[in-house]
Amino acid sequence: MSAEQSELAARAPMADDLTVEADSAGHTDRQPLITAMPSMLALRDRIARAHRYPVPVRVGAAGGIGTPQAALAAFNLGAAYIVTGSVNQSCLEAGTSPEVKALLAAAGHGDYAMAPAADMFEAGAEVQVLRRGTLFPGRARRLHELYRSHHGLDDLSAADRERLERKILQRPVAEVWQETAEYLARHHPDQLARAEHDQRHRMALLFRWYLGQSSRWAVSGDQGRSGDFQVWCGPAMGAFNEWVAGSELRDPAHRRVADVAHHLLQGAAFHSRVSQPPFSGATIPPACAFYRLPCSR
């Protein structure tokens, strides 16, 4: 590094944009945006003053944004931009299966649950997933309960092992472990070596097979495993579905990411405008104060 580069590095931030992710689908600490956003903006400003950054880092917002009102709320909190996630999964461009898109389009406000995460299963980390139309959340939690209360697969009772093979894995344990071991031998031989003498680690790896495959079954739309679909999703999906009911966007076949983004931003601008007259004493009829989508054909 040259002297000039070193001098510039002390005055230039490592990022131009930083996104604050509040309670969202998938990995989440379930923080509300109304507390996380102001805190991060204050932190941004303190660091900018301390390092004398000539241009402030832009801070965006993500998590729980599925309606124009939610988008406007994020901008009013100081967000420079917004990032949507859950609502995009039901759009035509999403790489998931038509079966999952149909489940997402039918989801309501409370159709979500927390379930063990595949990548941090042993630590007990959780992800927010769709609950309606799939048995995955309950089955995944059962696997973690077995992991916490047993030292290895050999410690499972005959009844627990039978339910594991019949209801969750839907295959013999030995067969699933063989497939898991073959994958580990190719990609993570150190993990396989550890599993040979650590029965609890072996159990965790086998349970993580189910957690990993459940996402793949959802993407491929495997009809034989529809009850095990793992779909990362949050309440924004339910709010979005309620908003688009009766419009062209009600049907997943008509949902395009660009159209969804356009209406979210245009709707946010609309609600921003209609929120101003009341501060001057003007009254706007409720029927005129709601951004409406084009009706379905």
C-alpha atoms as a PDB file:
ATOM      1  CA  MET A   1       0.000   0.000   0.000  1.00  0.00           C
ATOM      2  CA  SER A   2       1.350   3.389  -0.931  1.00  0.00           C
ATOM      3  CA  ALA A   3       1.476   6.367   1.413  1.00  0.00           C
ATOM      4  CA  GLU A   4      -1.328   8.019  -0.557  1.00  0.00           C
ATOM      5  CA  GLN A   5      -3.514   4.896  -0.307  1.00  0.00           C
ATOM      6  CA  SER A   6      -2.860   4.672   3.405  1.00  0.00           C
ATOM      7  CA  GLU A   7      -3.897   8.280   3.891  1.00  0.00           C
ATOM      8  CA  LEU A   8      -7.062   7.809   1.854  1.00  0.00           C
ATOM      9  CA  ALA A   9      -7.977   4.600   3.722  1.00  0.00           C
ATOM     10  CA  ALA A  10      -8.112   6.541   6.974  1.00  0.00           C
ATOM     11  CA  ARG A  11     -10.711   8.917   5.521  1.00  0.00           C
ATOM     12  CA  ALA A  12     -12.811   6.636   3.305  1.00  0.00           C
ATOM     13  CA  PRO A  13     -15.495   4.295   4.632  1.00  0.00           C
ATOM     14  CA  MET A  14     -15.351   0.607   3.732  1.00  0.00           C
ATOM     15  CA  ALA A  15     -18.881   0.735   2.269  1.00  0.00           C
ATOM     16  CA  ASP A  16     -20.994   3.247   0.375  1.00  0.00           C
ATOM     17  CA  ASP A  17     -24.298   1.666   1.448  1.00  0.00           C
ATOM     18  CA  LEU A  18     -25.257  -0.227   4.591  1.00  0.00           C
ATOM     19  CA  THR A  19     -28.588  -2.025   4.988  1.00  0.00           C
ATOM     20  CA  VAL A  20     -30.269  -2.359   8.372  1.00  0.00           C
ATOM     21  CA  GLU A  21     -32.196  -5.637   8.432  1.00  0.00           C
ATOM     22  CA  ALA A  22     -34.975  -5.694  11.003  1.00  0.00           C
ATOM     23  CA  ASP A  23     -37.325  -8.605  11.746  1.00  0.00           C
ATOM     24  CA  SER A  24     -37.232 -10.512   8.478  1.00  0.00           C
ATOM     25  CA  ALA A  25     -37.495 -13.900   6.847  1.00  0.00           C
ATOM     26  CA  GLY A  26     -34.724 -16.413   7.450  1.00  0.00           C
ATOM     27  CA  HIS A  27     -32.020 -15.430   9.928  1.00  0.00           C
ATOM     28  CA  THR A  28     -33.333 -12.676  12.171  1.00  0.00           C
ATOM     29  CA  ASP A  29     -32.826 -11.328  15.665  1.00  0.00           C
ATOM     30  CA  ARG A  30     -36.447 -10.066  15.464  1.00  0.00           C
ATOM     31  CA  GLN A  31     -35.570  -6.427  16.160  1.00  0.00           C
ATOM     32  CA  PRO A  32     -38.234  -3.927  15.052  1.00  0.00           C
ATOM     33  CA  LEU A  33     -37.122  -1.395  12.459  1.00  0.00           C
ATOM     34  CA  ILE A  34     -38.406   1.511  14.558  1.00  0.00           C
ATOM     35  CA  THR A  35     -35.662   0.871  17.128  1.00  0.00           C
ATOM     36  CA  ALA A  36     -32.886  -0.486  14.899  1.00  0.00           C
ATOM     37  CA  MET A  37     -32.950   2.247  12.237  1.00  0.00           C
ATOM     38  CA  PRO A  38     -32.512   5.320  14.476  1.00  0.00           C
ATOM     39  CA  SER A  39     -29.753   3.556  16.392  1.00  0.00           C
ATOM     40  CA  MET A  40     -27.818   2.701  13.236  1.00  0.00           C
ATOM     41  CA  LEU A  41     -28.220   6.199  11.805  1.00  0.00           C
ATOM     42  CA  ALA A  42     -26.847   7.682  15.022  1.00  0.00           C
ATOM     43  CA  LEU A  43     -23.920   5.265  14.903  1.00  0.00           C
ATOM     44  CA  ARG A  44     -23.292   6.193  11.248  1.00  0.00           C
ATOM     45  CA  ASP A  45     -23.186   9.869  12.136  1.00  0.00           C
ATOM     46  CA  ARG A  46     -20.836   9.390  15.111  1.00  0.00           C
ATOM     47  CA  ILE A  47     -18.364   7.407  12.994  1.00  0.00           C
ATOM     48  CA  ALA A  48     -18.597   9.915  10.135  1.00  0.00           C
ATOM     49  CA  ARG A  49     -17.743  12.773  12.500  1.00  0.00           C
ATOM     50  CA  ALA A  50     -14.895  10.867  14.112  1.00  0.00           C
ATOM     51  CA  HIS A  51     -13.284   9.958  10.783  1.00  0.00           C
ATOM     52  CA  ARG A  52     -14.358  13.119   8.930  1.00  0.00           C
ATOM     53  CA  TYR A  53     -15.862  11.248   6.010  1.00  0.00           C
ATOM     54  CA  PRO A  54     -16.568  13.743   3.209  1.00  0.00           C
ATOM     55  CA  VAL A  55     -19.628  11.765   2.013  1.00  0.00           C
ATOM     56  CA  PRO A  56     -21.928  10.007   4.507  1.00  0.00           C
ATOM     57  CA  VAL A  57     -22.644   6.304   4.136  1.00  0.00           C
ATOM     58  CA  ARG A  58     -26.192   5.712   2.899  1.00  0.00           C
ATOM     59  CA  VAL A  59     -28.280   3.538   5.226  1.00  0.00           C
ATOM     60  CA  GLY A  60     -31.130   1.471   3.823  1.00  0.00           C
ATOM     61  CA  ALA A  61     -33.853  -0.591   5.466  1.00  0.00           C
ATOM     62  CA  ALA A  62     -34.985  -4.192   5.062  1.00  0.00           C
ATOM     63  CA  GLY A  63     -37.257  -6.578   6.912  1.00  0.00           C
ATOM     64  CA  GLY A  64     -41.032  -6.430   7.197  1.00  0.00           C
ATOM     65  CA  ILE A  65     -41.577  -4.234   4.125  1.00  0.00           C
ATOM     66  CA  GLY A  66     -44.515  -5.495   2.079  1.00  0.00           C
ATOM     67  CA  THR A  67     -46.870  -2.520   1.703  1.00  0.00           C
ATOM     68  CA  PRO A  68     -46.587   1.154   0.672  1.00  0.00           C
ATOM     69  CA  GLN A  69     -47.226   2.210   4.274  1.00  0.00           C
ATOM     70  CA  ALA A  70     -44.340   0.052   5.491  1.00  0.00           C
ATOM     71  CA  ALA A  71     -42.083   1.480   2.779  1.00  0.00           C
ATOM     72  CA  LEU A  72     -43.060   5.022   3.755  1.00  0.00           C
ATOM     73  CA  ALA A  73     -42.423   4.252   7.415  1.00  0.00           C
ATOM     74  CA  ALA A  74     -38.891   3.122   6.544  1.00  0.00           C
ATOM     75  CA  PHE A  75     -38.222   6.316   4.596  1.00  0.00           C
ATOM     76  CA  ASN A  76     -39.653   8.434   7.399  1.00  0.00           C
ATOM     77  CA  LEU A  77     -37.229   6.740   9.781  1.00  0.00           C
ATOM     78  CA  GLY A  78     -34.391   7.992   7.588  1.00  0.00           C
ATOM     79  CA  ALA A  79     -33.775   5.105   5.204  1.00  0.00           C
ATOM     80  CA  ALA A  80     -32.060   6.090   1.949  1.00  0.00           C
ATOM     81  CA  TYR A  81     -33.534   3.053   0.195  1.00  0.00           C
ATOM     82  CA  ILE A  82     -35.479  -0.118   0.962  1.00  0.00           C
ATOM     83  CA  VAL A  83     -34.824  -3.808   0.282  1.00  0.00           C
ATOM     84  CA  THR A  84     -37.657  -6.319  -0.044  1.00  0.00           C
ATOM     85  CA  GLY A  85     -37.301 -10.072   0.333  1.00  0.00           C
ATOM     86  CA  SER A  86     -40.337 -12.164   1.285  1.00  0.00           C
ATOM     87  CA  VAL A  87     -42.647 -10.542  -1.267  1.00  0.00           C
ATOM     88  CA  ASN A  88     -40.180 -11.188  -4.099  1.00  0.00           C
ATOM     89  CA  GLN A  89     -40.335 -14.949  -3.571  1.00  0.00           C
ATOM     90  CA  SER A  90     -43.883 -15.114  -4.885  1.00  0.00           C
ATOM     91  CA  CYS A  91     -42.970 -13.263  -8.092  1.00  0.00           C
ATOM     92  CA  LEU A  92     -42.444 -14.842 -11.507  1.00  0.00           C
ATOM     93  CA  GLU A  93     -38.687 -14.206 -11.438  1.00  0.00           C
ATOM     94  CA  ALA A  94     -38.169 -16.110  -8.169  1.00  0.00           C
ATOM     95  CA  GLY A  95     -36.287 -19.390  -8.468  1.00  0.00           C
ATOM     96  CA  THR A  96     -38.646 -21.319  -6.237  1.00  0.00           C
ATOM     97  CA  SER A  97     -41.381 -23.727  -7.359  1.00  0.00           C
ATOM     98  CA  PRO A  98     -44.943 -22.805  -8.410  1.00  0.00           C
ATOM     99  CA  GLU A  99     -46.189 -24.835  -5.430  1.00  0.00           C
ATOM    100  CA  VAL A 100     -44.278 -22.618  -3.014  1.00  0.00           C
ATOM    101  CA  LYS A 101     -45.394 -19.444  -4.779  1.00  0.00           C
ATOM    102  CA  ALA A 102     -48.999 -20.575  -4.319  1.00  0.00           C
ATOM    103  CA  LEU A 103     -48.376 -21.142  -0.596  1.00  0.00           C
ATOM    104  CA  LEU A 104     -46.797 -17.705  -0.273  1.00  0.00           C
ATOM    105  CA  ALA A 105     -49.696 -16.036  -2.077  1.00  0.00           C
ATOM    106  CA  ALA A 106     -52.121 -17.603   0.423  1.00  0.00           C
ATOM    107  CA  ALA A 107     -50.150 -16.663   3.548  1.00  0.00           C
ATOM    108  CA  GLY A 108     -51.678 -14.418   6.185  1.00  0.00           C
ATOM    109  CA  HIS A 109     -50.249 -12.215   8.912  1.00  0.00           C
ATOM    110  CA  GLY A 110     -49.679 -15.008  11.423  1.00  0.00           C
ATOM    111  CA  ASP A 111     -48.675 -17.902   9.194  1.00  0.00           C
ATOM    112  CA  TYR A 112     -45.005 -17.948  10.233  1.00  0.00           C
ATOM    113  CA  ALA A 113     -42.856 -19.680  12.818  1.00  0.00           C
ATOM    114  CA  MET A 114     -39.276 -19.940  14.017  1.00  0.00           C
ATOM    115  CA  ALA A 115     -37.373 -23.132  13.208  1.00  0.00           C
ATOM    116  CA  PRO A 116     -33.794 -24.395  13.694  1.00  0.00           C
ATOM    117  CA  ALA A 117     -31.287 -23.118  11.140  1.00  0.00           C
ATOM    118  CA  ALA A 118     -29.343 -25.666   9.118  1.00  0.00           C
ATOM    119  CA  ASP A 119     -26.053 -23.750   9.180  1.00  0.00           C
ATOM    120  CA  MET A 120     -26.064 -23.174  12.967  1.00  0.00           C
ATOM    121  CA  PHE A 121     -28.140 -26.138  14.115  1.00  0.00           C
ATOM    122  CA  GLU A 122     -25.938 -27.102  17.066  1.00  0.00           C
ATOM    123  CA  ALA A 123     -25.905 -23.543  18.429  1.00  0.00           C
ATOM    124  CA  GLY A 124     -29.696 -23.361  18.414  1.00  0.00           C
ATOM    125  CA  ALA A 125     -29.931 -20.485  15.926  1.00  0.00           C
ATOM    126  CA  GLU A 126     -33.316 -20.125  14.267  1.00  0.00           C
ATOM    127  CA  VAL A 127     -34.792 -18.854  11.019  1.00  0.00           C
ATOM    128  CA  GLN A 128     -38.248 -17.432  10.347  1.00  0.00           C
ATOM    129  CA  VAL A 129     -40.174 -19.652   7.942  1.00  0.00           C
ATOM    130  CA  LEU A 130     -43.621 -20.175   6.472  1.00  0.00           C
ATOM    131  CA  ARG A 131     -45.850 -22.316   8.681  1.00  0.00           C
ATOM    132  CA  ARG A 132     -49.070 -22.557   6.668  1.00  0.00           C
ATOM    133  CA  GLY A 133     -49.107 -25.488   4.233  1.00  0.00           C
ATOM    134  CA  THR A 134     -45.967 -27.197   5.547  1.00  0.00           C
ATOM    135  CA  LEU A 135     -45.020 -29.309   8.574  1.00  0.00           C
ATOM    136  CA  PHE A 136     -41.379 -28.257   8.436  1.00  0.00           C
ATOM    137  CA  PRO A 137     -41.268 -25.939  11.492  1.00  0.00           C
ATOM    138  CA  GLY A 138     -42.605 -28.588  13.875  1.00  0.00           C
ATOM    139  CA  ARG A 139     -40.476 -31.373  12.455  1.00  0.00           C
ATOM    140  CA  ALA A 140     -37.326 -29.259  12.533  1.00  0.00           C
ATOM    141  CA  ARG A 141     -37.956 -28.305  16.163  1.00  0.00           C
ATOM    142  CA  ARG A 142     -38.434 -31.987  17.007  1.00  0.00           C
ATOM    143  CA  LEU A 143     -35.025 -32.772  15.545  1.00  0.00           C
ATOM    144  CA  HIS A 144     -33.414 -30.126  17.721  1.00  0.00           C
ATOM    145  CA  GLU A 145     -35.209 -31.468  20.789  1.00  0.00           C
ATOM    146  CA  LEU A 146     -33.792 -34.927  20.062  1.00  0.00           C
ATOM    147  CA  TYR A 147     -30.333 -33.453  19.569  1.00  0.00           C
ATOM    148  CA  ARG A 148     -30.453 -31.572  22.877  1.00  0.00           C
ATOM    149  CA  SER A 149     -31.657 -34.553  24.892  1.00  0.00           C
ATOM    150  CA  HIS A 150     -29.557 -37.395  23.432  1.00  0.00           C
ATOM    151  CA  HIS A 151     -25.854 -38.179  23.047  1.00  0.00           C
ATOM    152  CA  GLY A 152     -26.247 -39.912  19.702  1.00  0.00           C
ATOM    153  CA  LEU A 153     -28.540 -41.787  17.369  1.00  0.00           C
ATOM    154  CA  ASP A 154     -28.002 -45.014  19.287  1.00  0.00           C
ATOM    155  CA  ASP A 155     -29.526 -43.360  22.369  1.00  0.00           C
ATOM    156  CA  LEU A 156     -32.875 -42.785  20.672  1.00  0.00           C
ATOM    157  CA  SER A 157     -35.734 -44.932  21.888  1.00  0.00           C
ATOM    158  CA  ALA A 158     -37.270 -47.400  19.454  1.00  0.00           C
ATOM    159  CA  ALA A 159     -40.365 -45.196  19.235  1.00  0.00           C
ATOM    160  CA  ASP A 160     -38.364 -42.016  18.553  1.00  0.00           C
ATOM    161  CA  ARG A 161     -36.266 -43.740  15.911  1.00  0.00           C
ATOM    162  CA  GLU A 162     -39.368 -45.168  14.226  1.00  0.00           C
ATOM    163  CA  ARG A 163     -41.036 -41.714  14.101  1.00  0.00           C
ATOM    164  CA  LEU A 164     -37.796 -40.174  12.843  1.00  0.00           C
ATOM    165  CA  GLU A 165     -37.523 -42.599   9.949  1.00  0.00           C
ATOM    166  CA  ARG A 166     -41.222 -42.762   9.068  1.00  0.00           C
ATOM    167  CA  LYS A 167     -42.404 -39.174   9.516  1.00  0.00           C
ATOM    168  CA  ILE A 168     -39.380 -36.906   9.142  1.00  0.00           C
ATOM    169  CA  LEU A 169     -36.601 -38.559   7.163  1.00  0.00           C
ATOM    170  CA  GLN A 170     -38.997 -40.924   5.370  1.00  0.00           C
ATOM    171  CA  ARG A 171     -35.960 -43.140   4.839  1.00  0.00           C
ATOM    172  CA  PRO A 172     -33.885 -45.461   7.066  1.00  0.00           C
ATOM    173  CA  VAL A 173     -31.300 -43.658   9.212  1.00  0.00           C
ATOM    174  CA  ALA A 174     -28.517 -45.815   7.773  1.00  0.00           C
ATOM    175  CA  GLU A 175     -29.455 -44.820   4.231  1.00  0.00           C
ATOM    176  CA  VAL A 176     -29.526 -41.107   5.030  1.00  0.00           C
ATOM    177  CA  TRP A 177     -26.198 -41.326   6.846  1.00  0.00           C
ATOM    178  CA  GLN A 178     -24.618 -43.073   3.867  1.00  0.00           C
ATOM    179  CA  GLU A 179     -25.693 -40.239   1.584  1.00  0.00           C
ATOM    180  CA  THR A 180     -24.492 -37.673   4.122  1.00  0.00           C
ATOM    181  CA  ALA A 181     -21.131 -39.407   4.539  1.00  0.00           C
ATOM    182  CA  GLU A 182     -20.571 -39.519   0.788  1.00  0.00           C
ATOM    183  CA  TYR A 183     -21.222 -35.773   0.549  1.00  0.00           C
ATOM    184  CA  LEU A 184     -18.910 -35.036   3.497  1.00  0.00           C
ATOM    185  CA  ALA A 185     -16.147 -37.211   2.045  1.00  0.00           C
ATOM    186  CA  ARG A 186     -16.147 -35.029  -1.078  1.00  0.00           C
ATOM    187  CA  HIS A 187     -16.613 -31.607   0.503  1.00  0.00           C
ATOM    188  CA  HIS A 188     -15.839 -31.722   4.249  1.00  0.00           C
ATOM    189  CA  PRO A 189     -13.658 -34.761   5.077  1.00  0.00           C
ATOM    190  CA  ASP A 190     -12.701 -33.214   8.417  1.00  0.00           C
ATOM    191  CA  GLN A 191     -16.342 -33.240   9.501  1.00  0.00           C
ATOM    192  CA  LEU A 192     -16.680 -36.878   8.492  1.00  0.00           C
ATOM    193  CA  ALA A 193     -13.572 -37.804  10.479  1.00  0.00           C
ATOM    194  CA  ARG A 194     -14.965 -36.057  13.546  1.00  0.00           C
ATOM    195  CA  ALA A 195     -18.307 -37.854  13.160  1.00  0.00           C
ATOM    196  CA  GLU A 196     -16.544 -41.242  13.299  1.00  0.00           C
ATOM    197  CA  HIS A 197     -15.694 -40.761  16.984  1.00  0.00           C
ATOM    198  CA  ASP A 198     -18.259 -38.134  18.023  1.00  0.00           C
ATOM    199  CA  GLN A 199     -21.729 -39.681  17.961  1.00  0.00           C
ATOM    200  CA  ARG A 200     -23.485 -36.436  18.865  1.00  0.00           C
ATOM    201  CA  HIS A 201     -21.815 -34.622  15.978  1.00  0.00           C
ATOM    202  CA  ARG A 202     -22.842 -37.469  13.697  1.00  0.00           C
ATOM    203  CA  MET A 203     -26.446 -37.040  14.841  1.00  0.00           C
ATOM    204  CA  ALA A 204     -26.282 -33.300  14.157  1.00  0.00           C
ATOM    205  CA  LEU A 205     -24.932 -33.855  10.649  1.00  0.00           C
ATOM    206  CA  LEU A 206     -27.693 -36.330   9.873  1.00  0.00           C
ATOM    207  CA  PHE A 207     -30.384 -33.962  11.175  1.00  0.00           C
ATOM    208  CA  ARG A 208     -28.853 -31.133   9.138  1.00  0.00           C
ATOM    209  CA  TRP A 209     -29.373 -33.343   6.059  1.00  0.00           C
ATOM    210  CA  TYR A 210     -33.115 -32.924   6.558  1.00  0.00           C
ATOM    211  CA  LEU A 211     -32.844 -29.166   7.133  1.00  0.00           C
ATOM    212  CA  GLY A 212     -30.771 -28.720   3.991  1.00  0.00           C
ATOM    213  CA  GLN A 213     -32.892 -30.954   1.795  1.00  0.00           C
ATOM    214  CA  SER A 214     -36.109 -29.248   2.883  1.00  0.00           C
ATOM    215  CA  SER A 215     -35.018 -26.053   1.122  1.00  0.00           C
ATOM    216  CA  ARG A 216     -34.162 -27.981  -2.041  1.00  0.00           C
ATOM    217  CA  TRP A 217     -37.529 -29.770  -2.019  1.00  0.00           C
ATOM    218  CA  ALA A 218     -39.240 -26.370  -1.856  1.00  0.00           C
ATOM    219  CA  VAL A 219     -37.229 -24.988  -4.766  1.00  0.00           C
ATOM    220  CA  SER A 220     -37.830 -28.055  -6.948  1.00  0.00           C
ATOM    221  CA  GLY A 221     -41.460 -28.477  -5.861  1.00  0.00           C
ATOM    222  CA  ASP A 222     -40.960 -32.126  -4.927  1.00  0.00           C
ATOM    223  CA  GLN A 223     -44.554 -33.325  -4.528  1.00  0.00           C
ATOM    224  CA  GLY A 224     -43.509 -36.264  -2.411  1.00  0.00           C
ATOM    225  CA  ARG A 225     -41.999 -33.906   0.172  1.00  0.00           C
ATOM    226  CA  SER A 226     -44.462 -31.006   0.034  1.00  0.00           C
ATOM    227  CA  GLY A 227     -45.099 -31.372   3.755  1.00  0.00           C
ATOM    228  CA  ASP A 228     -41.415 -30.673   4.405  1.00  0.00           C
ATOM    229  CA  PHE A 229     -40.971 -27.479   2.372  1.00  0.00           C
ATOM    230  CA  GLN A 230     -38.717 -24.981   4.138  1.00  0.00           C
ATOM    231  CA  VAL A 231     -39.651 -21.486   2.945  1.00  0.00           C
ATOM    232  CA  TRP A 232     -38.000 -18.461   4.517  1.00  0.00           C
ATOM    233  CA  CYS A 233     -40.757 -15.921   4.990  1.00  0.00           C
ATOM    234  CA  GLY A 234     -41.999 -13.209   7.344  1.00  0.00           C
ATOM    235  CA  PRO A 235     -45.189 -11.241   8.140  1.00  0.00           C
ATOM    236  CA  ALA A 236     -44.504  -8.821   5.273  1.00  0.00           C
ATOM    237  CA  MET A 237     -45.835 -11.544   2.967  1.00  0.00           C
ATOM    238  CA  GLY A 238     -49.193 -11.590   4.724  1.00  0.00           C
ATOM    239  CA  ALA A 239     -49.435  -7.791   4.693  1.00  0.00           C
ATOM    240  CA  PHE A 240     -48.605  -7.781   0.978  1.00  0.00           C
ATOM    241  CA  ASN A 241     -51.270 -10.393   0.202  1.00  0.00           C
ATOM    242  CA  GLU A 242     -53.873  -8.395   2.084  1.00  0.00           C
ATOM    243  CA  TRP A 243     -52.900  -5.243   0.184  1.00  0.00           C
ATOM    244  CA  VAL A 244     -53.036  -6.824  -3.299  1.00  0.00           C
ATOM    245  CA  ALA A 245     -56.296  -8.756  -2.724  1.00  0.00           C
ATOM    246  CA  GLY A 246     -58.667  -8.100  -5.617  1.00  0.00           C
ATOM    247  CA  SER A 247     -55.947  -6.638  -7.825  1.00  0.00           C
ATOM    248  CA  GLU A 248     -53.869  -8.015 -10.682  1.00  0.00           C
ATOM    249  CA  LEU A 249     -51.087  -8.818  -8.231  1.00  0.00           C
ATOM    250  CA  ARG A 250     -53.296 -11.222  -6.283  1.00  0.00           C
ATOM    251  CA  ASP A 251     -52.325 -14.041  -8.655  1.00  0.00           C
ATOM    252  CA  PRO A 252     -48.631 -15.101  -8.515  1.00  0.00           C
ATOM    253  CA  ALA A 253     -48.792 -15.561 -12.296  1.00  0.00           C
ATOM    254  CA  HIS A 254     -49.130 -11.765 -12.598  1.00  0.00           C
ATOM    255  CA  ARG A 255     -46.524 -10.777 -10.021  1.00  0.00           C
ATOM    256  CA  ARG A 256     -43.318  -9.330 -11.425  1.00  0.00           C
ATOM    257  CA  VAL A 257     -40.568  -7.911  -9.255  1.00  0.00           C
ATOM    258  CA  ALA A 258     -40.441  -4.607 -11.152  1.00  0.00           C
ATOM    259  CA  ASP A 259     -44.212  -4.114 -10.858  1.00  0.00           C
ATOM    260  CA  VAL A 260     -44.163  -4.887  -7.140  1.00  0.00           C
ATOM    261  CA  ALA A 261     -41.308  -2.435  -6.563  1.00  0.00           C
ATOM    262  CA  HIS A 262     -43.038   0.234  -8.658  1.00  0.00           C
ATOM    263  CA  HIS A 263     -46.290   0.026  -6.737  1.00  0.00           C
ATOM    264  CA  LEU A 264     -44.551  -0.068  -3.361  1.00  0.00           C
ATOM    265  CA  LEU A 265     -42.639   3.130  -4.132  1.00  0.00           C
ATOM    266  CA  GLN A 266     -45.489   4.897  -5.921  1.00  0.00           C
ATOM    267  CA  GLY A 267     -47.796   3.938  -3.082  1.00  0.00           C
ATOM    268  CA  ALA A 268     -45.300   5.239  -0.524  1.00  0.00           C
ATOM    269  CA  ALA A 269     -45.177   8.570  -2.392  1.00  0.00           C
ATOM    270  CA  PHE A 270     -48.982   8.677  -2.490  1.00  0.00           C
ATOM    271  CA  HIS A 271     -49.345   8.056   1.242  1.00  0.00           C
ATOM    272  CA  SER A 272     -46.673  10.653   1.926  1.00  0.00           C
ATOM    273  CA  ARG A 273     -48.690  13.259   0.031  1.00  0.00           C
ATOM    274  CA  VAL A 274     -52.059  12.454   1.614  1.00  0.00           C
ATOM    275  CA  SER A 275     -50.523  12.528   5.105  1.00  0.00           C
ATOM    276  CA  GLN A 276     -49.646  16.227   4.770  1.00  0.00           C
ATOM    277  CA  PRO A 277     -53.048  18.058   4.442  1.00  0.00           C
ATOM    278  CA  PRO A 278     -54.334  16.950   7.878  1.00  0.00           C
ATOM    279  CA  PHE A 279     -51.446  18.881   9.476  1.00  0.00           C
ATOM    280  CA  SER A 280     -52.953  22.029   7.945  1.00  0.00           C
ATOM    281  CA  GLY A 281     -56.445  21.224   9.146  1.00  0.00           C
ATOM    282  CA  ALA A 282     -57.704  19.735   5.872  1.00  0.00           C
ATOM    283  CA  THR A 283     -59.719  16.537   5.914  1.00  0.00           C
ATOM    284  CA  ILE A 284     -59.289  13.803   3.328  1.00  0.00           C
ATOM    285  CA  PRO A 285     -62.048  11.172   3.064  1.00  0.00           C
ATOM    286  CA  PRO A 286     -60.734   7.716   4.022  1.00  0.00           C
ATOM    287  CA  ALA A 287     -61.762   6.335   0.621  1.00  0.00           C
ATOM    288  CA  CYS A 288     -59.396   8.827  -1.045  1.00  0.00           C
ATOM    289  CA  ALA A 289     -56.464   8.226   1.313  1.00  0.00           C
ATOM    290  CA  PHE A 290     -55.562   4.688   0.299  1.00  0.00           C
ATOM    291  CA  TYR A 291     -53.340   3.728  -2.627  1.00  0.00           C
ATOM    292  CA  ARG A 292     -55.291   1.298  -4.794  1.00  0.00           C
ATOM    293  CA  LEU A 293     -53.872  -1.164  -7.288  1.00  0.00           C
ATOM    294  CA  PRO A 294     -55.433  -1.882 -10.693  1.00  0.00           C
ATOM    295  CA  CYS A 295     -58.331  -4.311 -10.336  1.00  0.00           C
ATOM    296  CA  SER A 296     -57.885  -7.891 -11.506  1.00  0.00           C
ATOM    297  CA  ARG A 297     -59.096  -8.663 -14.999  1.00  0.00           C
END
